[in-house]
Amino acid sequence: MSLLWFLIIGVAAGWLAGQFAKGRGFGLVGDLVVGVIGAMLGGLIFRWLGIWPVGHFGHLITAIVGAIVFVAIVRMVKRV
Protein backbone atom coordinates (compact mmCIF):
# COMPACT_ATOMS: atom_id res chain seq x y z
CA MET A 1 0.00 0.00 0.00
CA SER A 2 1.39 3.41 -0.86
CA LEU A 3 2.28 5.86 1.88
CA LEU A 4 -0.47 8.25 0.81
CA TRP A 5 -3.19 5.59 1.08
CA PHE A 6 -1.73 4.45 4.41
CA LEU A 7 -2.02 8.00 5.77
CA ILE A 8 -5.53 8.53 4.35
CA ILE A 9 -6.73 5.25 5.83
CA GLY A 10 -4.97 6.08 9.11
CA VAL A 11 -6.72 9.45 9.43
CA ALA A 12 -10.10 7.93 8.52
CA ALA A 13 -9.66 5.03 10.96
CA GLY A 14 -8.51 7.33 13.76
CA TRP A 15 -11.43 9.69 13.21
CA LEU A 16 -13.95 6.83 13.12
CA ALA A 17 -12.45 5.29 16.27
CA GLY A 18 -12.71 8.70 17.93
CA GLN A 19 -16.36 8.95 16.92
CA PHE A 20 -17.07 5.48 18.23
CA ALA A 21 -15.10 5.66 21.47
CA LYS A 22 -15.26 9.28 22.50
CA GLY A 23 -18.02 10.96 20.52
CA ARG A 24 -15.61 13.19 18.58
CA GLY A 25 -12.27 12.95 16.82
CA PHE A 26 -8.84 13.58 18.29
CA GLY A 27 -7.83 16.33 15.85
CA LEU A 28 -5.98 15.72 12.59
CA VAL A 29 -2.65 14.71 14.14
CA GLY A 30 -4.31 12.69 16.89
CA ASP A 31 -6.52 10.89 14.37
CA LEU A 32 -3.47 10.11 12.25
CA VAL A 33 -1.51 8.71 15.20
CA VAL A 34 -4.44 6.64 16.48
CA GLY A 35 -5.18 5.41 12.96
CA VAL A 36 -1.60 4.44 12.13
CA ILE A 37 -1.10 2.63 15.43
CA GLY A 38 -4.54 1.07 14.95
CA ALA A 39 -3.63 -0.08 11.45
CA MET A 40 -0.54 -1.84 12.76
CA LEU A 41 -2.39 -3.33 15.75
CA GLY A 42 -5.33 -4.36 13.56
CA GLY A 43 -2.94 -6.03 11.12
CA LEU A 44 -1.45 -8.06 13.97
CA ILE A 45 -4.86 -9.01 15.34
CA PHE A 46 -6.18 -10.03 11.93
CA ARG A 47 -3.02 -12.02 11.17
CA TRP A 48 -3.36 -13.90 14.47
CA LEU A 49 -6.96 -14.72 13.52
CA GLY A 50 -5.93 -15.79 10.00
CA ILE A 51 -7.85 -12.98 8.29
CA TRP A 52 -6.23 -11.16 5.35
CA PRO A 53 -7.71 -7.81 4.29
CA VAL A 54 -8.30 -7.29 0.57
CA GLY A 55 -8.28 -3.86 -1.04
CA HIS A 56 -8.51 -0.43 0.48
CA PHE A 57 -11.83 -1.16 2.16
CA GLY A 58 -10.39 -4.25 3.86
CA HIS A 59 -7.41 -2.26 5.09
CA LEU A 60 -9.76 0.46 6.37
CA ILE A 61 -11.79 -2.09 8.35
CA THR A 62 -8.57 -3.57 9.74
CA ALA A 63 -7.33 -0.13 10.78
CA ILE A 64 -10.67 0.82 12.36
CA VAL A 65 -10.79 -2.39 14.42
CA GLY A 66 -7.19 -1.86 15.54
CA ALA A 67 -7.80 1.82 16.35
CA ILE A 68 -10.84 0.98 18.47
CA VAL A 69 -8.84 -1.68 20.33
CA PHE A 70 -6.00 0.83 20.79
CA VAL A 71 -8.36 3.51 22.18
CA ALA A 72 -9.89 0.93 24.55
CA ILE A 73 -6.43 -0.09 25.80
CA VAL A 74 -5.43 3.56 26.32
CA ARG A 75 -8.63 4.19 28.29
CA MET A 76 -7.99 1.15 30.50
CA VAL A 77 -4.42 2.26 31.18
CA LYS A 78 -5.55 5.83 31.97
CA ARG A 79 -7.99 4.54 34.60
CA VAL A 80 -5.27 2.65 36.48
PDB file of N, CA and C in Angstrom:
ATOM      1  N   MET A   1       0.852  -1.159   0.000  1.00  0.00           N
ATOM      2  CA  MET A   1       0.000   0.000   0.000  1.00  0.00           C
ATOM      3  C   MET A   1       0.908   1.235   0.000  1.00  0.00           C
ATOM      4  N   SER A   2       0.560   2.211  -0.789  1.00  0.00           N
ATOM      5  CA  SER A   2       1.388   3.406  -0.864  1.00  0.00           C
ATOM      6  C   SER A   2       1.263   4.214   0.430  1.00  0.00           C
ATOM      7  N   LEU A   3       2.255   5.045   0.672  1.00  0.00           N
ATOM      8  CA  LEU A   3       2.278   5.859   1.882  1.00  0.00           C
ATOM      9  C   LEU A   3       1.064   6.785   1.947  1.00  0.00           C
ATOM     10  N   LEU A   4       0.680   7.350   0.826  1.00  0.00           N
ATOM     11  CA  LEU A   4      -0.474   8.251   0.809  1.00  0.00           C
ATOM     12  C   LEU A   4      -1.754   7.535   1.237  1.00  0.00           C
ATOM     13  N   TRP A   5      -1.993   6.351   0.690  1.00  0.00           N
ATOM     14  CA  TRP A   5      -3.186   5.593   1.079  1.00  0.00           C
ATOM     15  C   TRP A   5      -3.108   5.184   2.538  1.00  0.00           C
ATOM     16  N   PHE A   6      -1.918   4.824   3.005  1.00  0.00           N
ATOM     17  CA  PHE A   6      -1.730   4.452   4.407  1.00  0.00           C
ATOM     18  C   PHE A   6      -2.121   5.615   5.316  1.00  0.00           C
ATOM     19  N   LEU A   7      -1.692   6.831   4.968  1.00  0.00           N
ATOM     20  CA  LEU A   7      -2.021   8.002   5.771  1.00  0.00           C
ATOM     21  C   LEU A   7      -3.514   8.346   5.698  1.00  0.00           C
ATOM     22  N   ILE A   8      -4.096   8.244   4.500  1.00  0.00           N
ATOM     23  CA  ILE A   8      -5.529   8.527   4.355  1.00  0.00           C
ATOM     24  C   ILE A   8      -6.354   7.539   5.169  1.00  0.00           C
ATOM     25  N   ILE A   9      -6.021   6.276   5.065  1.00  0.00           N
ATOM     26  CA  ILE A   9      -6.735   5.252   5.831  1.00  0.00           C
ATOM     27  C   ILE A   9      -6.486   5.445   7.322  1.00  0.00           C
ATOM     28  N   GLY A  10      -5.281   5.833   7.702  1.00  0.00           N
ATOM     29  CA  GLY A  10      -4.971   6.085   9.108  1.00  0.00           C
ATOM     30  C   GLY A  10      -5.799   7.213   9.685  1.00  0.00           C
ATOM     31  N   VAL A  11      -5.911   8.315   8.956  1.00  0.00           N
ATOM     32  CA  VAL A  11      -6.721   9.448   9.425  1.00  0.00           C
ATOM     33  C   VAL A  11      -8.191   9.043   9.524  1.00  0.00           C
ATOM     34  N   ALA A  12      -8.692   8.356   8.509  1.00  0.00           N
ATOM     35  CA  ALA A  12     -10.097   7.928   8.522  1.00  0.00           C
ATOM     36  C   ALA A  12     -10.360   6.961   9.677  1.00  0.00           C
ATOM     37  N   ALA A  13      -9.482   6.007   9.881  1.00  0.00           N
ATOM     38  CA  ALA A  13      -9.662   5.027  10.961  1.00  0.00           C
ATOM     39  C   ALA A  13      -9.573   5.704  12.323  1.00  0.00           C
ATOM     40  N   GLY A  14      -8.632   6.616  12.492  1.00  0.00           N
ATOM     41  CA  GLY A  14      -8.510   7.330  13.761  1.00  0.00           C
ATOM     42  C   GLY A  14      -9.730   8.175  14.051  1.00  0.00           C
ATOM     43  N   TRP A  15     -10.244   8.865  13.022  1.00  0.00           N
ATOM     44  CA  TRP A  15     -11.433   9.688  13.206  1.00  0.00           C
ATOM     45  C   TRP A  15     -12.639   8.824  13.559  1.00  0.00           C
ATOM     46  N   LEU A  16     -12.813   7.708  12.837  1.00  0.00           N
ATOM     47  CA  LEU A  16     -13.947   6.829  13.116  1.00  0.00           C
ATOM     48  C   LEU A  16     -13.842   6.198  14.500  1.00  0.00           C
ATOM     49  N   ALA A  17     -12.632   5.835  14.913  1.00  0.00           N
ATOM     50  CA  ALA A  17     -12.450   5.291  16.266  1.00  0.00           C
ATOM     51  C   ALA A  17     -12.772   6.359  17.303  1.00  0.00           C
ATOM     52  N   GLY A  18     -12.380   7.603  17.030  1.00  0.00           N
ATOM     53  CA  GLY A  18     -12.709   8.698  17.931  1.00  0.00           C
ATOM     54  C   GLY A  18     -14.207   8.915  18.036  1.00  0.00           C
ATOM     55  N   GLN A  19     -14.909   8.810  16.919  1.00  0.00           N
ATOM     56  CA  GLN A  19     -16.362   8.953  16.917  1.00  0.00           C
ATOM     57  C   GLN A  19     -17.007   7.835  17.725  1.00  0.00           C
ATOM     58  N   PHE A  20     -16.492   6.644  17.555  1.00  0.00           N
ATOM     59  CA  PHE A  20     -17.065   5.480  18.229  1.00  0.00           C
ATOM     60  C   PHE A  20     -16.763   5.501  19.725  1.00  0.00           C
ATOM     61  N   ALA A  21     -15.533   5.798  20.086  1.00  0.00           N
ATOM     62  CA  ALA A  21     -15.095   5.656  21.470  1.00  0.00           C
ATOM     63  C   ALA A  21     -15.317   6.899  22.311  1.00  0.00           C
ATOM     64  N   LYS A  22     -15.285   8.051  21.708  1.00  0.00           N
ATOM     65  CA  LYS A  22     -15.257   9.276  22.495  1.00  0.00           C
ATOM     66  C   LYS A  22     -16.369  10.242  22.115  1.00  0.00           C
ATOM     67  N   GLY A  23     -16.975  10.055  20.960  1.00  0.00           N
ATOM     68  CA  GLY A  23     -18.015  10.959  20.521  1.00  0.00           C
ATOM     69  C   GLY A  23     -17.507  12.077  19.636  1.00  0.00           C
ATOM     70  N   ARG A  24     -16.194  12.214  19.498  1.00  0.00           N
ATOM     71  CA  ARG A  24     -15.609  13.192  18.583  1.00  0.00           C
ATOM     72  C   ARG A  24     -14.204  12.731  18.243  1.00  0.00           C
ATOM     73  N   GLY A  25     -13.615  13.332  17.231  1.00  0.00           N
ATOM     74  CA  GLY A  25     -12.268  12.946  16.817  1.00  0.00           C
ATOM     75  C   GLY A  25     -11.213  13.465  17.775  1.00  0.00           C
ATOM     76  N   PHE A  26      -9.967  13.170  17.464  1.00  0.00           N
ATOM     77  CA  PHE A  26      -8.836  13.577  18.292  1.00  0.00           C
ATOM     78  C   PHE A  26      -8.053  14.718  17.657  1.00  0.00           C
ATOM     79  N   GLY A  27      -8.586  15.343  16.614  1.00  0.00           N
ATOM     80  CA  GLY A  27      -7.833  16.333  15.845  1.00  0.00           C
ATOM     81  C   GLY A  27      -7.073  15.615  14.739  1.00  0.00           C
ATOM     82  N   LEU A  28      -6.607  16.345  13.746  1.00  0.00           N
ATOM     83  CA  LEU A  28      -5.980  15.719  12.585  1.00  0.00           C
ATOM     84  C   LEU A  28      -4.761  14.885  12.965  1.00  0.00           C
ATOM     85  N   VAL A  29      -3.864  15.447  13.752  1.00  0.00           N
ATOM     86  CA  VAL A  29      -2.645  14.715  14.136  1.00  0.00           C
ATOM     87  C   VAL A  29      -2.999  13.545  15.042  1.00  0.00           C
ATOM     88  N   GLY A  30      -3.894  13.769  15.999  1.00  0.00           N
ATOM     89  CA  GLY A  30      -4.311  12.687  16.894  1.00  0.00           C
ATOM     90  C   GLY A  30      -4.985  11.562  16.141  1.00  0.00           C
ATOM     91  N   ASP A  31      -5.861  11.906  15.193  1.00  0.00           N
ATOM     92  CA  ASP A  31      -6.516  10.886  14.370  1.00  0.00           C
ATOM     93  C   ASP A  31      -5.491  10.088  13.576  1.00  0.00           C
ATOM     94  N   LEU A  32      -4.503  10.782  13.030  1.00  0.00           N
ATOM     95  CA  LEU A  32      -3.466  10.108  12.246  1.00  0.00           C
ATOM     96  C   LEU A  32      -2.681   9.137  13.119  1.00  0.00           C
ATOM     97  N   VAL A  33      -2.293   9.579  14.303  1.00  0.00           N
ATOM     98  CA  VAL A  33      -1.514   8.714  15.201  1.00  0.00           C
ATOM     99  C   VAL A  33      -2.338   7.504  15.626  1.00  0.00           C
ATOM    100  N   VAL A  34      -3.569   7.743  16.059  1.00  0.00           N
ATOM    101  CA  VAL A  34      -4.436   6.637  16.476  1.00  0.00           C
ATOM    102  C   VAL A  34      -4.686   5.687  15.310  1.00  0.00           C
ATOM    103  N   GLY A  35      -4.920   6.241  14.129  1.00  0.00           N
ATOM    104  CA  GLY A  35      -5.184   5.405  12.955  1.00  0.00           C
ATOM    105  C   GLY A  35      -3.991   4.586  12.522  1.00  0.00           C
ATOM    106  N   VAL A  36      -2.805   5.171  12.545  1.00  0.00           N
ATOM    107  CA  VAL A  36      -1.599   4.441  12.129  1.00  0.00           C
ATOM    108  C   VAL A  36      -1.276   3.336  13.139  1.00  0.00           C
ATOM    109  N   ILE A  37      -1.332   3.669  14.422  1.00  0.00           N
ATOM    110  CA  ILE A  37      -1.103   2.631  15.434  1.00  0.00           C
ATOM    111  C   ILE A  37      -2.200   1.571  15.333  1.00  0.00           C
ATOM    112  N   GLY A  38      -3.433   2.011  15.114  1.00  0.00           N
ATOM    113  CA  GLY A  38      -4.536   1.067  14.954  1.00  0.00           C
ATOM    114  C   GLY A  38      -4.369   0.181  13.741  1.00  0.00           C
ATOM    115  N   ALA A  39      -3.854   0.730  12.651  1.00  0.00           N
ATOM    116  CA  ALA A  39      -3.628  -0.083  11.446  1.00  0.00           C
ATOM    117  C   ALA A  39      -2.602  -1.179  11.727  1.00  0.00           C
ATOM    118  N   MET A  40      -1.552  -0.823  12.435  1.00  0.00           N
ATOM    119  CA  MET A  40      -0.538  -1.839  12.762  1.00  0.00           C
ATOM    120  C   MET A  40      -1.100  -2.876  13.732  1.00  0.00           C
ATOM    121  N   LEU A  41      -1.804  -2.416  14.773  1.00  0.00           N
ATOM    122  CA  LEU A  41      -2.390  -3.326  15.746  1.00  0.00           C
ATOM    123  C   LEU A  41      -3.467  -4.197  15.094  1.00  0.00           C
ATOM    124  N   GLY A  42      -4.303  -3.590  14.257  1.00  0.00           N
ATOM    125  CA  GLY A  42      -5.333  -4.356  13.556  1.00  0.00           C
ATOM    126  C   GLY A  42      -4.728  -5.405  12.637  1.00  0.00           C
ATOM    127  N   GLY A  43      -3.631  -5.050  11.968  1.00  0.00           N
ATOM    128  CA  GLY A  43      -2.936  -6.025  11.121  1.00  0.00           C
ATOM    129  C   GLY A  43      -2.448  -7.221  11.924  1.00  0.00           C
ATOM    130  N   LEU A  44      -1.902  -6.954  13.107  1.00  0.00           N
ATOM    131  CA  LEU A  44      -1.446  -8.055  13.969  1.00  0.00           C
ATOM    132  C   LEU A  44      -2.616  -8.916  14.431  1.00  0.00           C
ATOM    133  N   ILE A  45      -3.686  -8.267  14.858  1.00  0.00           N
ATOM    134  CA  ILE A  45      -4.863  -9.006  15.343  1.00  0.00           C
ATOM    135  C   ILE A  45      -5.446  -9.866  14.228  1.00  0.00           C
ATOM    136  N   PHE A  46      -5.609  -9.276  13.045  1.00  0.00           N
ATOM    137  CA  PHE A  46      -6.183 -10.030  11.934  1.00  0.00           C
ATOM    138  C   PHE A  46      -5.267 -11.173  11.504  1.00  0.00           C
ATOM    139  N   ARG A  47      -3.956 -10.956  11.525  1.00  0.00           N
ATOM    140  CA  ARG A  47      -3.020 -12.023  11.172  1.00  0.00           C
ATOM    141  C   ARG A  47      -3.125 -13.177  12.152  1.00  0.00           C
ATOM    142  N   TRP A  48      -3.224 -12.852  13.457  1.00  0.00           N
ATOM    143  CA  TRP A  48      -3.361 -13.902  14.473  1.00  0.00           C
ATOM    144  C   TRP A  48      -4.636 -14.699  14.261  1.00  0.00           C
ATOM    145  N   LEU A  49      -5.684 -14.035  13.767  1.00  0.00           N
ATOM    146  CA  LEU A  49      -6.956 -14.716  13.515  1.00  0.00           C
ATOM    147  C   LEU A  49      -7.000 -15.400  12.152  1.00  0.00           C
ATOM    148  N   GLY A  50      -5.968 -15.190  11.328  1.00  0.00           N
ATOM    149  CA  GLY A  50      -5.929 -15.793  10.002  1.00  0.00           C
ATOM    150  C   GLY A  50      -6.783 -15.068   8.974  1.00  0.00           C
ATOM    151  N   ILE A  51      -7.039 -13.783   9.210  1.00  0.00           N
ATOM    152  CA  ILE A  51      -7.855 -12.980   8.293  1.00  0.00           C
ATOM    153  C   ILE A  51      -6.930 -12.051   7.527  1.00  0.00           C
ATOM    154  N   TRP A  52      -7.068 -12.025   6.192  1.00  0.00           N
ATOM    155  CA  TRP A  52      -6.226 -11.164   5.352  1.00  0.00           C
ATOM    156  C   TRP A  52      -7.096 -10.143   4.646  1.00  0.00           C
ATOM    157  N   PRO A  53      -6.891  -8.844   4.934  1.00  0.00           N
ATOM    158  CA  PRO A  53      -7.707  -7.810   4.286  1.00  0.00           C
ATOM    159  C   PRO A  53      -7.410  -7.727   2.793  1.00  0.00           C
ATOM    160  N   VAL A  54      -8.440  -7.416   2.019  1.00  0.00           N
ATOM    161  CA  VAL A  54      -8.296  -7.288   0.573  1.00  0.00           C
ATOM    162  C   VAL A  54      -8.760  -5.896   0.167  1.00  0.00           C
ATOM    163  N   GLY A  55      -7.923  -5.177  -0.532  1.00  0.00           N
ATOM    164  CA  GLY A  55      -8.275  -3.858  -1.045  1.00  0.00           C
ATOM    165  C   GLY A  55      -8.249  -2.778   0.019  1.00  0.00           C
ATOM    166  N   HIS A  56      -8.538  -1.568  -0.424  1.00  0.00           N
ATOM    167  CA  HIS A  56      -8.507  -0.428   0.484  1.00  0.00           C
ATOM    168  C   HIS A  56      -9.590  -0.527   1.558  1.00  0.00           C
ATOM    169  N   PHE A  57     -10.751  -1.026   1.192  1.00  0.00           N
ATOM    170  CA  PHE A  57     -11.833  -1.157   2.164  1.00  0.00           C
ATOM    171  C   PHE A  57     -11.460  -2.164   3.258  1.00  0.00           C
ATOM    172  N   GLY A  58     -10.833  -3.261   2.878  1.00  0.00           N
ATOM    173  CA  GLY A  58     -10.389  -4.254   3.857  1.00  0.00           C
ATOM    174  C   GLY A  58      -9.343  -3.687   4.800  1.00  0.00           C
ATOM    175  N   HIS A  59      -8.426  -2.891   4.247  1.00  0.00           N
ATOM    176  CA  HIS A  59      -7.407  -2.258   5.091  1.00  0.00           C
ATOM    177  C   HIS A  59      -8.039  -1.220   6.018  1.00  0.00           C
ATOM    178  N   LEU A  60      -9.064  -0.508   5.538  1.00  0.00           N
ATOM    179  CA  LEU A  60      -9.756   0.464   6.372  1.00  0.00           C
ATOM    180  C   LEU A  60     -10.446  -0.234   7.544  1.00  0.00           C
ATOM    181  N   ILE A  61     -11.124  -1.336   7.286  1.00  0.00           N
ATOM    182  CA  ILE A  61     -11.794  -2.087   8.351  1.00  0.00           C
ATOM    183  C   ILE A  61     -10.763  -2.588   9.358  1.00  0.00           C
ATOM    184  N   THR A  62      -9.639  -3.104   8.865  1.00  0.00           N
ATOM    185  CA  THR A  62      -8.566  -3.569   9.741  1.00  0.00           C
ATOM    186  C   THR A  62      -8.062  -2.440  10.624  1.00  0.00           C
ATOM    187  N   ALA A  63      -7.833  -1.273  10.037  1.00  0.00           N
ATOM    188  CA  ALA A  63      -7.329  -0.129  10.784  1.00  0.00           C
ATOM    189  C   ALA A  63      -8.362   0.368  11.798  1.00  0.00           C
ATOM    190  N   ILE A  64      -9.628   0.367  11.431  1.00  0.00           N
ATOM    191  CA  ILE A  64     -10.674   0.815  12.360  1.00  0.00           C
ATOM    192  C   ILE A  64     -10.753  -0.120  13.565  1.00  0.00           C
ATOM    193  N   VAL A  65     -10.744  -1.425  13.317  1.00  0.00           N
ATOM    194  CA  VAL A  65     -10.788  -2.390  14.416  1.00  0.00           C
ATOM    195  C   VAL A  65      -9.580  -2.196  15.328  1.00  0.00           C
ATOM    196  N   GLY A  66      -8.396  -2.065  14.738  1.00  0.00           N
ATOM    197  CA  GLY A  66      -7.188  -1.855  15.537  1.00  0.00           C
ATOM    198  C   GLY A  66      -7.217  -0.551  16.304  1.00  0.00           C
ATOM    199  N   ALA A  67      -7.733   0.517  15.683  1.00  0.00           N
ATOM    200  CA  ALA A  67      -7.801   1.817  16.353  1.00  0.00           C
ATOM    201  C   ALA A  67      -8.772   1.773  17.529  1.00  0.00           C
ATOM    202  N   ILE A  68      -9.884   1.099  17.361  1.00  0.00           N
ATOM    203  CA  ILE A  68     -10.844   0.980  18.468  1.00  0.00           C
ATOM    204  C   ILE A  68     -10.227   0.184  19.617  1.00  0.00           C
ATOM    205  N   VAL A  69      -9.526  -0.892  19.297  1.00  0.00           N
ATOM    206  CA  VAL A  69      -8.842  -1.677  20.329  1.00  0.00           C
ATOM    207  C   VAL A  69      -7.785  -0.811  21.015  1.00  0.00           C
ATOM    208  N   PHE A  70      -7.028  -0.036  20.233  1.00  0.00           N
ATOM    209  CA  PHE A  70      -6.001   0.832  20.794  1.00  0.00           C
ATOM    210  C   PHE A  70      -6.605   1.871  21.734  1.00  0.00           C
ATOM    211  N   VAL A  71      -7.695   2.513  21.329  1.00  0.00           N
ATOM    212  CA  VAL A  71      -8.356   3.508  22.175  1.00  0.00           C
ATOM    213  C   VAL A  71      -8.859   2.846  23.463  1.00  0.00           C
ATOM    214  N   ALA A  72      -9.414   1.641  23.366  1.00  0.00           N
ATOM    215  CA  ALA A  72      -9.891   0.929  24.554  1.00  0.00           C
ATOM    216  C   ALA A  72      -8.738   0.616  25.505  1.00  0.00           C
ATOM    217  N   ILE A  73      -7.600   0.203  24.959  1.00  0.00           N
ATOM    218  CA  ILE A  73      -6.430  -0.085  25.800  1.00  0.00           C
ATOM    219  C   ILE A  73      -5.938   1.183  26.482  1.00  0.00           C
ATOM    220  N   VAL A  74      -5.874   2.284  25.735  1.00  0.00           N
ATOM    221  CA  VAL A  74      -5.429   3.556  26.324  1.00  0.00           C
ATOM    222  C   VAL A  74      -6.372   3.986  27.438  1.00  0.00           C
ATOM    223  N   ARG A  75      -7.664   3.827  27.247  1.00  0.00           N
ATOM    224  CA  ARG A  75      -8.627   4.192  28.287  1.00  0.00           C
ATOM    225  C   ARG A  75      -8.446   3.333  29.525  1.00  0.00           C
ATOM    226  N   MET A  76      -8.195   2.032  29.353  1.00  0.00           N
ATOM    227  CA  MET A  76      -7.991   1.146  30.505  1.00  0.00           C
ATOM    228  C   MET A  76      -6.727   1.533  31.257  1.00  0.00           C
ATOM    229  N   VAL A  77      -5.676   1.880  30.538  1.00  0.00           N
ATOM    230  CA  VAL A  77      -4.419   2.262  31.180  1.00  0.00           C
ATOM    231  C   VAL A  77      -4.583   3.592  31.919  1.00  0.00           C
ATOM    232  N   LYS A  78      -5.336   4.528  31.340  1.00  0.00           N
ATOM    233  CA  LYS A  78      -5.551   5.834  31.973  1.00  0.00           C
ATOM    234  C   LYS A  78      -6.321   5.704  33.276  1.00  0.00           C
ATOM    235  N   ARG A  79      -7.201   4.733  33.378  1.00  0.00           N
ATOM    236  CA  ARG A  79      -7.988   4.541  34.597  1.00  0.00           C
ATOM    237  C   ARG A  79      -7.144   4.013  35.737  1.00  0.00           C
ATOM    238  N   VAL A  80      -6.099   3.289  35.425  1.00  0.00           N
ATOM    239  CA  VAL A  80      -5.274   2.654  36.476  1.00  0.00           C
ATOM    240  C   VAL A  80      -4.350   3.636  37.085  1.00  0.00           C
TER     241      VAL A  80
END
